[in-house]
């Protein structure tokens, strides 16, 4: 049996970073292997760190996420849990960045 692997936000950030192709390829390969084997694990903190930094690296992702929420009929209204649910439940663009399908 193989143990689960906790994946840090940097793996996702390197996977989308066009500035260093070797890091990008290594991160994409690692991410793909973990998701294929179903051994990769995330925390809400990692998702939050990824979101903040992905918005900094790719500002257009914020607009894409907002459009996705609107088209899915999800409002990001009151409270922390509402905004987390809206983001996680409706953001195809950020999910694509996490999963490498962008």
C-alpha atoms as a PDB file:
ATOM      1  CA  UNK A   1       0.000   0.000   0.000  1.00  0.00           C
ATOM      2  CA  UNK A   2       1.228   3.500  -0.842  1.00  0.00           C
ATOM      3  CA  UNK A   3       0.690   6.413   1.519  1.00  0.00           C
ATOM      4  CA  UNK A   4      -1.302   9.512   0.628  1.00  0.00           C
ATOM      5  CA  UNK A   5       0.679  12.647  -0.270  1.00  0.00           C
ATOM      6  CA  UNK A   6      -0.223  16.124   0.960  1.00  0.00           C
ATOM      7  CA  UNK A   7       0.094  18.510  -1.997  1.00  0.00           C
ATOM      8  CA  UNK A   8       1.309  22.047  -1.325  1.00  0.00           C
ATOM      9  CA  UNK A   9      -0.062  25.042  -3.205  1.00  0.00           C
ATOM     10  CA  UNK A  10       3.316  25.546  -4.891  1.00  0.00           C
ATOM     11  CA  UNK A  11       2.766  22.415  -6.982  1.00  0.00           C
ATOM     12  CA  UNK A  12      -0.316  24.015  -8.533  1.00  0.00           C
ATOM     13  CA  UNK A  13       1.337  27.414  -8.880  1.00  0.00           C
ATOM     14  CA  UNK A  14       4.427  25.998 -10.598  1.00  0.00           C
ATOM     15  CA  UNK A  15       2.152  24.021 -12.918  1.00  0.00           C
ATOM     16  CA  UNK A  16       0.634  27.259 -14.229  1.00  0.00           C
ATOM     17  CA  UNK A  17       3.829  29.352 -14.197  1.00  0.00           C
ATOM     18  CA  UNK A  18       5.026  29.985 -17.735  1.00  0.00           C
ATOM     19  CA  UNK A  19       8.284  31.560 -16.479  1.00  0.00           C
ATOM     20  CA  UNK A  20      10.144  28.326 -15.671  1.00  0.00           C
ATOM     21  CA  UNK A  21       9.299  25.527 -18.080  1.00  0.00           C
ATOM     22  CA  UNK A  22      11.274  22.846 -16.195  1.00  0.00           C
ATOM     23  CA  UNK A  23       9.450  23.564 -12.919  1.00  0.00           C
ATOM     24  CA  UNK A  24       6.164  23.749 -14.796  1.00  0.00           C
ATOM     25  CA  UNK A  25       6.661  20.356 -16.427  1.00  0.00           C
ATOM     26  CA  UNK A  26       7.828  18.727 -13.173  1.00  0.00           C
ATOM     27  CA  UNK A  27       4.817  20.114 -11.283  1.00  0.00           C
ATOM     28  CA  UNK A  28       2.387  18.990 -13.985  1.00  0.00           C
ATOM     29  CA  UNK A  29       3.893  15.505 -14.060  1.00  0.00           C
ATOM     30  CA  UNK A  30       3.767  15.225 -10.247  1.00  0.00           C
ATOM     31  CA  UNK A  31       0.200  16.557 -10.088  1.00  0.00           C
ATOM     32  CA  UNK A  32      -0.938  14.172 -12.800  1.00  0.00           C
ATOM     33  CA  UNK A  33       0.687  11.171 -11.098  1.00  0.00           C
ATOM     34  CA  UNK A  34      -0.929  12.019  -7.750  1.00  0.00           C
ATOM     35  CA  UNK A  35      -4.378  12.552  -9.231  1.00  0.00           C
ATOM     36  CA  UNK A  36      -4.174   9.426 -11.405  1.00  0.00           C
ATOM     37  CA  UNK A  37      -3.127   7.296  -8.442  1.00  0.00           C
ATOM     38  CA  UNK A  38      -5.677   9.086  -6.214  1.00  0.00           C
ATOM     39  CA  UNK A  39      -2.960   9.630  -3.596  1.00  0.00           C
ATOM     40  CA  UNK A  40      -2.924  13.455  -3.667  1.00  0.00           C
ATOM     41  CA  UNK A  41      -4.529  15.269  -0.728  1.00  0.00           C
ATOM     42  CA  UNK A  42      -5.439  18.956  -0.288  1.00  0.00           C
ATOM     43  CA  UNK A  43      -6.535  21.160   2.584  1.00  0.00           C
ATOM     44  CA  UNK A  44      -8.747  24.242   2.560  1.00  0.00           C
ATOM     45  CA  UNK A  45      -5.662  26.258   3.481  1.00  0.00           C
ATOM     46  CA  UNK A  46      -3.840  25.037   0.348  1.00  0.00           C
ATOM     47  CA  UNK A  47      -6.899  25.839  -1.776  1.00  0.00           C
ATOM     48  CA  UNK A  48      -7.011  29.323  -0.260  1.00  0.00           C
ATOM     49  CA  UNK A  49      -3.286  29.905  -0.821  1.00  0.00           C
ATOM     50  CA  UNK A  50      -3.629  28.712  -4.388  1.00  0.00           C
ATOM     51  CA  UNK A  51      -6.619  30.989  -5.008  1.00  0.00           C
ATOM     52  CA  UNK A  52      -4.869  34.105  -3.687  1.00  0.00           C
ATOM     53  CA  UNK A  53      -1.666  33.454  -5.611  1.00  0.00           C
ATOM     54  CA  UNK A  54      -3.390  32.281  -8.799  1.00  0.00           C
ATOM     55  CA  UNK A  55      -5.318  35.558  -8.841  1.00  0.00           C
ATOM     56  CA  UNK A  56      -2.025  37.417  -8.519  1.00  0.00           C
ATOM     57  CA  UNK A  57      -0.326  35.391 -11.280  1.00  0.00           C
ATOM     58  CA  UNK A  58      -3.332  35.246 -13.606  1.00  0.00           C
ATOM     59  CA  UNK A  59      -5.728  38.120 -12.915  1.00  0.00           C
ATOM     60  CA  UNK A  60      -8.033  37.030 -15.737  1.00  0.00           C
ATOM     61  CA  UNK A  61      -8.897  33.914 -13.691  1.00  0.00           C
ATOM     62  CA  UNK A  62     -10.879  36.092 -11.249  1.00  0.00           C
ATOM     63  CA  UNK A  63     -13.152  37.335 -14.026  1.00  0.00           C
ATOM     64  CA  UNK A  64     -13.507  33.803 -15.391  1.00  0.00           C
ATOM     65  CA  UNK A  65     -14.459  32.518 -11.930  1.00  0.00           C
ATOM     66  CA  UNK A  66     -17.050  35.283 -11.503  1.00  0.00           C
ATOM     67  CA  UNK A  67     -18.565  34.495 -14.910  1.00  0.00           C
ATOM     68  CA  UNK A  68     -18.665  30.792 -14.004  1.00  0.00           C
ATOM     69  CA  UNK A  69     -20.466  31.546 -10.729  1.00  0.00           C
ATOM     70  CA  UNK A  70     -23.032  33.738 -12.501  1.00  0.00           C
ATOM     71  CA  UNK A  71     -23.651  31.221 -15.279  1.00  0.00           C
ATOM     72  CA  UNK A  72     -24.119  28.479 -12.680  1.00  0.00           C
ATOM     73  CA  UNK A  73     -26.604  30.653 -10.771  1.00  0.00           C
ATOM     74  CA  UNK A  74     -24.440  30.729  -7.646  1.00  0.00           C
ATOM     75  CA  UNK A  75     -24.329  33.941  -5.658  1.00  0.00           C
ATOM     76  CA  UNK A  76     -21.309  34.628  -3.496  1.00  0.00           C
ATOM     77  CA  UNK A  77     -23.286  36.317  -0.766  1.00  0.00           C
ATOM     78  CA  UNK A  78     -23.097  36.555   3.003  1.00  0.00           C
ATOM     79  CA  UNK A  79     -20.638  34.706   5.079  1.00  0.00           C
ATOM     80  CA  UNK A  80     -17.483  32.783   4.637  1.00  0.00           C
ATOM     81  CA  UNK A  81     -19.110  29.426   3.963  1.00  0.00           C
ATOM     82  CA  UNK A  82     -21.238  30.937   1.187  1.00  0.00           C
ATOM     83  CA  UNK A  83     -18.257  32.384  -0.620  1.00  0.00           C
ATOM     84  CA  UNK A  84     -16.205  29.182  -0.240  1.00  0.00           C
ATOM     85  CA  UNK A  85     -19.108  27.093  -1.513  1.00  0.00           C
ATOM     86  CA  UNK A  86     -19.649  29.458  -4.421  1.00  0.00           C
ATOM     87  CA  UNK A  87     -16.012  29.403  -5.375  1.00  0.00           C
ATOM     88  CA  UNK A  88     -15.521  25.661  -4.978  1.00  0.00           C
ATOM     89  CA  UNK A  89     -18.872  24.652  -6.394  1.00  0.00           C
ATOM     90  CA  UNK A  90     -18.975  26.803  -9.483  1.00  0.00           C
ATOM     91  CA  UNK A  91     -15.509  27.842 -10.579  1.00  0.00           C
ATOM     92  CA  UNK A  92     -14.670  25.699 -13.573  1.00  0.00           C
ATOM     93  CA  UNK A  93     -11.736  27.928 -14.508  1.00  0.00           C
ATOM     94  CA  UNK A  94      -9.960  27.528 -11.173  1.00  0.00           C
ATOM     95  CA  UNK A  95     -10.804  23.843 -11.076  1.00  0.00           C
ATOM     96  CA  UNK A  96      -9.212  23.555 -14.488  1.00  0.00           C
ATOM     97  CA  UNK A  97      -6.072  25.204 -13.136  1.00  0.00           C
ATOM     98  CA  UNK A  98      -5.965  22.785 -10.190  1.00  0.00           C
ATOM     99  CA  UNK A  99      -6.587  19.727 -12.320  1.00  0.00           C
ATOM    100  CA  UNK A 100      -4.453  20.817 -15.224  1.00  0.00           C
ATOM    101  CA  UNK A 101      -7.213  20.851 -17.799  1.00  0.00           C
ATOM    102  CA  UNK A 102      -6.836  24.521 -18.777  1.00  0.00           C
END
